[in-house]
Amino acid sequence: MPTLRALLEDRTATLLGNLDTAITGIQYDSRAVRPGDLFACLRGEHVDGHRYVSQAVEAGAAAL
């Protein structure tokens, strides 16, 4: 199971939290988040994913 550190290797990012957190999946739709997933907060043409951070956290997102 990859860690957040491994997924972000060679990428520029601002992070808070533990880089050794295990990530079980990556989702951009907060309704699809399962415990252990990374929720990618994306800005779209009509909707900003940052609006759904609390729903992703409630669903068990391990990282944002």
C-alpha atoms as a PDB file:
ATOM      1  CA  MET A   1       0.000   0.000   0.000  1.00  0.00           C
ATOM      2  CA  PRO A   2       1.569   3.315  -1.028  1.00  0.00           C
ATOM      3  CA  THR A   3       2.082   6.140   1.405  1.00  0.00           C
ATOM      4  CA  LEU A   4       1.314   9.784   0.855  1.00  0.00           C
ATOM      5  CA  ARG A   5       5.081  10.364   0.725  1.00  0.00           C
ATOM      6  CA  ALA A   6       5.463   7.899  -2.160  1.00  0.00           C
ATOM      7  CA  LEU A   7       2.530   9.369  -4.101  1.00  0.00           C
ATOM      8  CA  LEU A   8       3.952  12.885  -3.844  1.00  0.00           C
ATOM      9  CA  GLU A   9       7.577  12.018  -4.554  1.00  0.00           C
ATOM     10  CA  ASP A  10       9.116  14.498  -7.002  1.00  0.00           C
ATOM     11  CA  ARG A  11       6.068  16.772  -6.796  1.00  0.00           C
ATOM     12  CA  THR A  12       5.769  20.249  -5.343  1.00  0.00           C
ATOM     13  CA  ALA A  13       3.064  20.400  -2.679  1.00  0.00           C
ATOM     14  CA  THR A  14       2.225  22.093   0.576  1.00  0.00           C
ATOM     15  CA  LEU A  15       1.288  19.493   3.147  1.00  0.00           C
ATOM     16  CA  LEU A  16       0.136  19.283   6.708  1.00  0.00           C
ATOM     17  CA  GLY A  17       0.159  15.955   8.483  1.00  0.00           C
ATOM     18  CA  ASN A  18       1.949  12.648   8.347  1.00  0.00           C
ATOM     19  CA  LEU A  19       3.575  11.758   5.038  1.00  0.00           C
ATOM     20  CA  ASP A  20       3.728   8.112   6.095  1.00  0.00           C
ATOM     21  CA  THR A  21      -0.089   7.811   6.071  1.00  0.00           C
ATOM     22  CA  ALA A  22      -1.202   4.799   4.031  1.00  0.00           C
ATOM     23  CA  ILE A  23      -3.391   5.730   1.046  1.00  0.00           C
ATOM     24  CA  THR A  24      -5.863   3.111  -0.196  1.00  0.00           C
ATOM     25  CA  GLY A  25      -7.312   5.056  -3.114  1.00  0.00           C
ATOM     26  CA  ILE A  26      -7.621   8.475  -4.723  1.00  0.00           C
ATOM     27  CA  GLN A  27     -10.966  10.176  -5.251  1.00  0.00           C
ATOM     28  CA  TYR A  28     -12.005  13.549  -6.661  1.00  0.00           C
ATOM     29  CA  ASP A  29     -15.715  13.024  -5.880  1.00  0.00           C
ATOM     30  CA  SER A  30     -16.405  13.345  -2.133  1.00  0.00           C
ATOM     31  CA  ARG A  31     -19.373  10.963  -2.494  1.00  0.00           C
ATOM     32  CA  ALA A  32     -16.982   8.192  -3.540  1.00  0.00           C
ATOM     33  CA  VAL A  33     -14.482   8.643  -0.669  1.00  0.00           C
ATOM     34  CA  ARG A  34     -13.865   5.585   1.523  1.00  0.00           C
ATOM     35  CA  PRO A  35     -11.720   5.355   4.656  1.00  0.00           C
ATOM     36  CA  GLY A  36      -8.045   5.678   3.731  1.00  0.00           C
ATOM     37  CA  ASP A  37      -8.586   7.515   0.437  1.00  0.00           C
ATOM     38  CA  LEU A  38      -6.829  10.698  -0.629  1.00  0.00           C
ATOM     39  CA  PHE A  39      -9.422  13.312  -1.643  1.00  0.00           C
ATOM     40  CA  ALA A  40      -8.125  15.454  -4.493  1.00  0.00           C
ATOM     41  CA  CYS A  41      -9.722  18.902  -4.139  1.00  0.00           C
ATOM     42  CA  LEU A  42      -9.963  20.042  -7.739  1.00  0.00           C
ATOM     43  CA  ARG A  43     -11.339  23.302  -9.094  1.00  0.00           C
ATOM     44  CA  GLY A  44     -13.635  22.620 -12.010  1.00  0.00           C
ATOM     45  CA  GLU A  45     -15.435  24.866 -14.442  1.00  0.00           C
ATOM     46  CA  HIS A  46     -18.615  24.890 -12.334  1.00  0.00           C
ATOM     47  CA  VAL A  47     -17.683  23.431  -8.936  1.00  0.00           C
ATOM     48  CA  ASP A  48     -14.701  23.765  -6.601  1.00  0.00           C
ATOM     49  CA  GLY A  49     -13.860  20.497  -4.848  1.00  0.00           C
ATOM     50  CA  HIS A  50     -12.644  22.441  -1.820  1.00  0.00           C
ATOM     51  CA  ARG A  51     -16.334  22.968  -0.976  1.00  0.00           C
ATOM     52  CA  TYR A  52     -16.595  19.249  -0.205  1.00  0.00           C
ATOM     53  CA  VAL A  53     -13.648  18.830   2.159  1.00  0.00           C
ATOM     54  CA  SER A  54     -15.834  18.299   5.235  1.00  0.00           C
ATOM     55  CA  GLN A  55     -17.850  15.569   3.478  1.00  0.00           C
ATOM     56  CA  ALA A  56     -14.641  13.811   2.433  1.00  0.00           C
ATOM     57  CA  VAL A  57     -13.266  13.967   5.968  1.00  0.00           C
ATOM     58  CA  GLU A  58     -16.546  12.639   7.384  1.00  0.00           C
ATOM     59  CA  ALA A  59     -16.341   9.753   4.890  1.00  0.00           C
ATOM     60  CA  GLY A  60     -12.855   8.849   6.175  1.00  0.00           C
ATOM     61  CA  ALA A  61     -10.423  10.597   3.840  1.00  0.00           C
ATOM     62  CA  ALA A  62      -6.875  10.050   5.108  1.00  0.00           C
ATOM     63  CA  ALA A  63      -5.495  13.082   3.284  1.00  0.00           C
ATOM     64  CA  LEU A  64      -6.653  16.037   1.214  1.00  0.00           C
END
